[in-house]
Amino acid sequence: MTGYYDYVLGLVPVTLVGITAVLAAVGVGYLTAVSVGAAAAALVVGHAMFVNGPVAPEESGSVRSASDHGPVNAD
């Protein structure tokens, strides 16, 4: 079953190579094209990490509230 992070892993190289190739084909300098492609790939990774970040699945039956913990020792 293909999930969100599988698509992200596939989209990173496609974004990098695709944007670089398109920009290079229209006459943008190679260094600029690679930089823009890498920035776009970094945005995809950033979205996967910070906007739609992975979370650990909660275990059923072990719901804990803040009152279950003892006092915090701040020393």
C-alpha atoms as a PDB file:
ATOM      1  CA  MET A   1       0.000   0.000   0.000  1.00  0.00           C
ATOM      2  CA  THR A   2       1.438   3.327  -1.070  1.00  0.00           C
ATOM      3  CA  GLY A   3       1.337   6.078   1.531  1.00  0.00           C
ATOM      4  CA  TYR A   4       2.145   9.766   1.701  1.00  0.00           C
ATOM      5  CA  TYR A   5       5.815   9.256   2.525  1.00  0.00           C
ATOM      6  CA  ASP A   6       6.256   6.842  -0.376  1.00  0.00           C
ATOM      7  CA  TYR A   7       5.047   9.585  -2.693  1.00  0.00           C
ATOM      8  CA  VAL A   8       7.379  12.081  -1.035  1.00  0.00           C
ATOM      9  CA  LEU A   9      10.364   9.757  -1.531  1.00  0.00           C
ATOM     10  CA  GLY A  10       9.484   9.440  -5.203  1.00  0.00           C
ATOM     11  CA  LEU A  11       8.752  13.128  -5.653  1.00  0.00           C
ATOM     12  CA  VAL A  12      12.100  14.376  -4.329  1.00  0.00           C
ATOM     13  CA  PRO A  13      14.289  13.130  -7.232  1.00  0.00           C
ATOM     14  CA  VAL A  14      11.529  13.783  -9.774  1.00  0.00           C
ATOM     15  CA  THR A  15      11.305  17.383  -8.577  1.00  0.00           C
ATOM     16  CA  LEU A  16      15.067  17.875  -8.559  1.00  0.00           C
ATOM     17  CA  VAL A  17      15.714  16.376 -11.980  1.00  0.00           C
ATOM     18  CA  GLY A  18      12.488  17.576 -13.590  1.00  0.00           C
ATOM     19  CA  ILE A  19      12.760  21.230 -12.631  1.00  0.00           C
ATOM     20  CA  THR A  20      16.464  21.241 -13.454  1.00  0.00           C
ATOM     21  CA  ALA A  21      15.817  19.753 -16.900  1.00  0.00           C
ATOM     22  CA  VAL A  22      12.950  22.115 -17.710  1.00  0.00           C
ATOM     23  CA  LEU A  23      14.868  25.207 -16.648  1.00  0.00           C
ATOM     24  CA  ALA A  24      18.012  24.095 -18.478  1.00  0.00           C
ATOM     25  CA  ALA A  25      15.934  23.420 -21.612  1.00  0.00           C
ATOM     26  CA  VAL A  26      14.516  26.947 -21.647  1.00  0.00           C
ATOM     27  CA  GLY A  27      17.972  28.481 -21.390  1.00  0.00           C
ATOM     28  CA  VAL A  28      18.494  29.121 -17.682  1.00  0.00           C
ATOM     29  CA  GLY A  29      22.065  28.566 -16.533  1.00  0.00           C
ATOM     30  CA  TYR A  30      22.843  25.086 -15.261  1.00  0.00           C
ATOM     31  CA  LEU A  31      23.942  26.245 -11.809  1.00  0.00           C
ATOM     32  CA  THR A  32      20.751  28.287 -11.373  1.00  0.00           C
ATOM     33  CA  ALA A  33      18.570  25.442 -12.664  1.00  0.00           C
ATOM     34  CA  VAL A  34      20.101  22.960 -10.232  1.00  0.00           C
ATOM     35  CA  SER A  35      19.742  25.431  -7.369  1.00  0.00           C
ATOM     36  CA  VAL A  36      16.053  26.042  -8.083  1.00  0.00           C
ATOM     37  CA  GLY A  37      15.423  22.295  -8.472  1.00  0.00           C
ATOM     38  CA  ALA A  38      17.201  21.567  -5.192  1.00  0.00           C
ATOM     39  CA  ALA A  39      15.234  24.289  -3.404  1.00  0.00           C
ATOM     40  CA  ALA A  40      11.966  22.820  -4.660  1.00  0.00           C
ATOM     41  CA  ALA A  41      13.031  19.332  -3.539  1.00  0.00           C
ATOM     42  CA  ALA A  42      13.955  20.769  -0.138  1.00  0.00           C
ATOM     43  CA  LEU A  43      10.473  22.291   0.122  1.00  0.00           C
ATOM     44  CA  VAL A  44       8.946  18.863  -0.518  1.00  0.00           C
ATOM     45  CA  VAL A  45      11.092  17.352   2.234  1.00  0.00           C
ATOM     46  CA  GLY A  46      10.311  20.262   4.555  1.00  0.00           C
ATOM     47  CA  HIS A  47       6.604  19.766   4.015  1.00  0.00           C
ATOM     48  CA  ALA A  48       6.911  16.074   4.822  1.00  0.00           C
ATOM     49  CA  MET A  49       8.906  16.776   7.981  1.00  0.00           C
ATOM     50  CA  PHE A  50       7.256  19.840   9.467  1.00  0.00           C
ATOM     51  CA  VAL A  51       3.806  20.381   7.949  1.00  0.00           C
ATOM     52  CA  ASN A  52       2.692  16.782   7.650  1.00  0.00           C
ATOM     53  CA  GLY A  53       5.238  15.238   9.985  1.00  0.00           C
ATOM     54  CA  PRO A  54       5.294  11.606  10.991  1.00  0.00           C
ATOM     55  CA  VAL A  55       3.714  10.771  14.318  1.00  0.00           C
ATOM     56  CA  ALA A  56       3.993   7.638  16.390  1.00  0.00           C
ATOM     57  CA  PRO A  57       0.754   5.656  16.505  1.00  0.00           C
ATOM     58  CA  GLU A  58      -0.901   5.731  19.887  1.00  0.00           C
ATOM     59  CA  GLU A  59      -1.306   2.435  21.662  1.00  0.00           C
ATOM     60  CA  SER A  60      -4.892   1.535  22.308  1.00  0.00           C
ATOM     61  CA  GLY A  61      -5.886   1.343  25.949  1.00  0.00           C
ATOM     62  CA  SER A  62      -2.934   3.312  27.246  1.00  0.00           C
ATOM     63  CA  VAL A  63      -4.307   6.826  27.123  1.00  0.00           C
ATOM     64  CA  ARG A  64      -2.486   8.973  29.669  1.00  0.00           C
ATOM     65  CA  SER A  65      -3.477  12.411  30.784  1.00  0.00           C
ATOM     66  CA  ALA A  66      -1.292  15.134  32.258  1.00  0.00           C
ATOM     67  CA  SER A  67      -2.547  14.268  35.743  1.00  0.00           C
ATOM     68  CA  ASP A  68      -1.112  10.722  35.459  1.00  0.00           C
ATOM     69  CA  HIS A  69       2.425  12.068  35.689  1.00  0.00           C
ATOM     70  CA  GLY A  70       4.111  13.135  38.903  1.00  0.00           C
ATOM     71  CA  PRO A  71       5.295  16.668  39.530  1.00  0.00           C
ATOM     72  CA  VAL A  72       8.081  18.033  37.363  1.00  0.00           C
ATOM     73  CA  ASN A  73      11.393  18.547  39.116  1.00  0.00           C
ATOM     74  CA  ALA A  74      12.864  21.661  37.541  1.00  0.00           C
ATOM     75  CA  ASP A  75      16.141  21.616  39.455  1.00  0.00           C
END
